[in-house]
Amino acid sequence: MKIAIENGLTEYDSSMEEHIQRKLRLALSKMAANISTITFTINEVVDQQGQVEKHCLLLLSLYQMPNIAIEETQADLAFVIDRVIQKATRALSRKLSV
């Protein structure tokens, strides 16, 4: 399971990448045999009210199955990271149980 993190944030903390990798490995370790690569992209976007929010896109490239793409946008960075990983874990569990 290869993890690629693409960071487009203006405020970048080097420990954030390690934190994201640790969370991904922990959440998806039981299903790692089905995942070839994980691409985690995080950017800043401006909403209609002019507020800066964090946008995450998590793409799971799977063996012998269609890819899974999960997106989430929230103001809080930690919340958006946790939320997109939770959504991806549930989506992959559902796909594998069919």
Protein backbone atom coordinates (compact mmCIF):
# COMPACT_ATOMS: atom_id res chain seq x y z
CA MET A 1 0.00 0.00 0.00
CA LYS A 2 1.72 3.13 -1.25
CA ILE A 3 0.64 6.50 0.16
CA ALA A 4 1.11 9.78 -1.76
CA ILE A 5 0.24 13.06 -0.05
CA GLU A 6 -0.21 16.21 -2.13
CA ASN A 7 -0.31 19.28 0.08
CA GLY A 8 -1.56 22.60 -1.27
CA LEU A 9 -1.91 24.41 2.05
CA THR A 10 -0.24 27.77 2.65
CA GLU A 11 0.44 26.90 6.29
CA TYR A 12 2.39 23.65 6.06
CA ASP A 13 3.64 21.73 9.05
CA SER A 14 6.01 18.87 8.22
CA SER A 15 4.54 16.72 11.00
CA MET A 16 1.13 16.90 9.29
CA GLU A 17 2.25 14.50 6.55
CA GLU A 18 3.40 11.95 9.15
CA HIS A 19 0.12 12.39 11.02
CA ILE A 20 -1.94 11.76 7.86
CA GLN A 21 0.11 8.67 6.96
CA ARG A 22 -0.24 7.26 10.47
CA LYS A 23 -4.04 7.79 10.43
CA LEU A 24 -4.39 6.20 6.98
CA ARG A 25 -2.32 3.16 7.90
CA LEU A 26 -4.23 2.66 11.14
CA ALA A 27 -7.67 3.03 9.54
CA LEU A 28 -6.99 0.95 6.43
CA SER A 29 -4.48 -1.65 7.67
CA LYS A 30 -7.03 -4.50 7.77
CA MET A 31 -7.92 -3.89 4.12
CA ALA A 32 -4.40 -3.06 2.87
CA ALA A 33 -4.20 -6.21 0.73
CA ASN A 34 -6.91 -4.73 -1.53
CA ILE A 35 -5.30 -1.28 -1.93
CA SER A 36 -2.53 -0.57 -4.42
CA THR A 37 -2.13 3.19 -3.79
CA ILE A 38 -3.68 5.95 -1.72
CA THR A 39 -3.56 9.53 -2.97
CA PHE A 40 -4.43 12.14 -0.34
CA THR A 41 -4.78 15.71 -1.64
CA ILE A 42 -5.45 18.67 0.64
CA ASN A 43 -6.01 22.26 -0.50
CA GLU A 44 -7.52 25.50 0.68
CA VAL A 45 -10.72 26.74 -0.98
CA VAL A 46 -12.81 29.86 -0.46
CA ASP A 47 -16.54 29.35 0.15
CA GLN A 48 -19.39 31.68 -0.87
CA GLN A 49 -18.99 33.79 2.29
CA GLY A 50 -15.28 34.34 1.66
CA GLN A 51 -14.16 31.93 4.41
CA VAL A 52 -11.07 29.82 3.77
CA GLU A 53 -11.81 26.11 4.20
CA LYS A 54 -9.78 22.94 3.82
CA HIS A 55 -10.73 20.53 1.01
CA CYS A 56 -9.54 16.91 1.05
CA LEU A 57 -9.71 14.39 -1.75
CA LEU A 58 -8.83 10.80 -0.90
CA LEU A 59 -8.44 8.39 -3.82
CA LEU A 60 -8.09 4.68 -3.13
CA SER A 61 -6.73 2.73 -6.10
CA LEU A 62 -7.80 -0.87 -5.62
CA TYR A 63 -6.72 -4.18 -7.10
CA GLN A 64 -9.30 -5.74 -9.43
CA MET A 65 -12.03 -3.21 -8.42
CA PRO A 66 -13.05 0.33 -9.35
CA ASN A 67 -11.32 3.15 -7.49
CA ILE A 68 -12.95 4.95 -4.57
CA ALA A 69 -12.86 8.76 -4.41
CA ILE A 70 -13.97 10.59 -1.26
CA GLU A 71 -14.15 14.38 -0.84
CA GLU A 72 -14.80 16.56 2.19
CA THR A 73 -14.61 20.32 2.86
CA GLN A 74 -14.58 21.81 6.35
CA ALA A 75 -13.07 24.79 8.14
CA ASP A 76 -11.12 22.73 10.69
CA LEU A 77 -8.08 20.90 9.31
CA ALA A 78 -8.03 18.05 11.84
CA PHE A 79 -11.76 17.46 11.42
CA VAL A 80 -11.63 17.31 7.61
CA ILE A 81 -8.72 14.83 7.69
CA ASP A 82 -10.49 12.55 10.17
CA ARG A 83 -13.80 12.80 8.33
CA VAL A 84 -12.45 11.93 4.87
CA ILE A 85 -10.55 8.93 6.29
CA GLN A 86 -13.68 7.70 8.11
CA LYS A 87 -15.75 8.00 4.93
CA ALA A 88 -13.13 6.12 2.91
CA THR A 89 -12.92 3.32 5.47
CA ARG A 90 -16.71 2.85 5.43
CA ALA A 91 -16.88 2.98 1.63
CA LEU A 92 -14.12 0.38 1.25
CA SER A 93 -15.70 -1.90 3.87
CA ARG A 94 -19.02 -1.77 2.02
CA LYS A 95 -17.35 -2.51 -1.32
CA LEU A 96 -15.43 -5.49 0.05
CA SER A 97 -18.45 -6.99 1.81
CA VAL A 98 -20.48 -7.24 -1.41
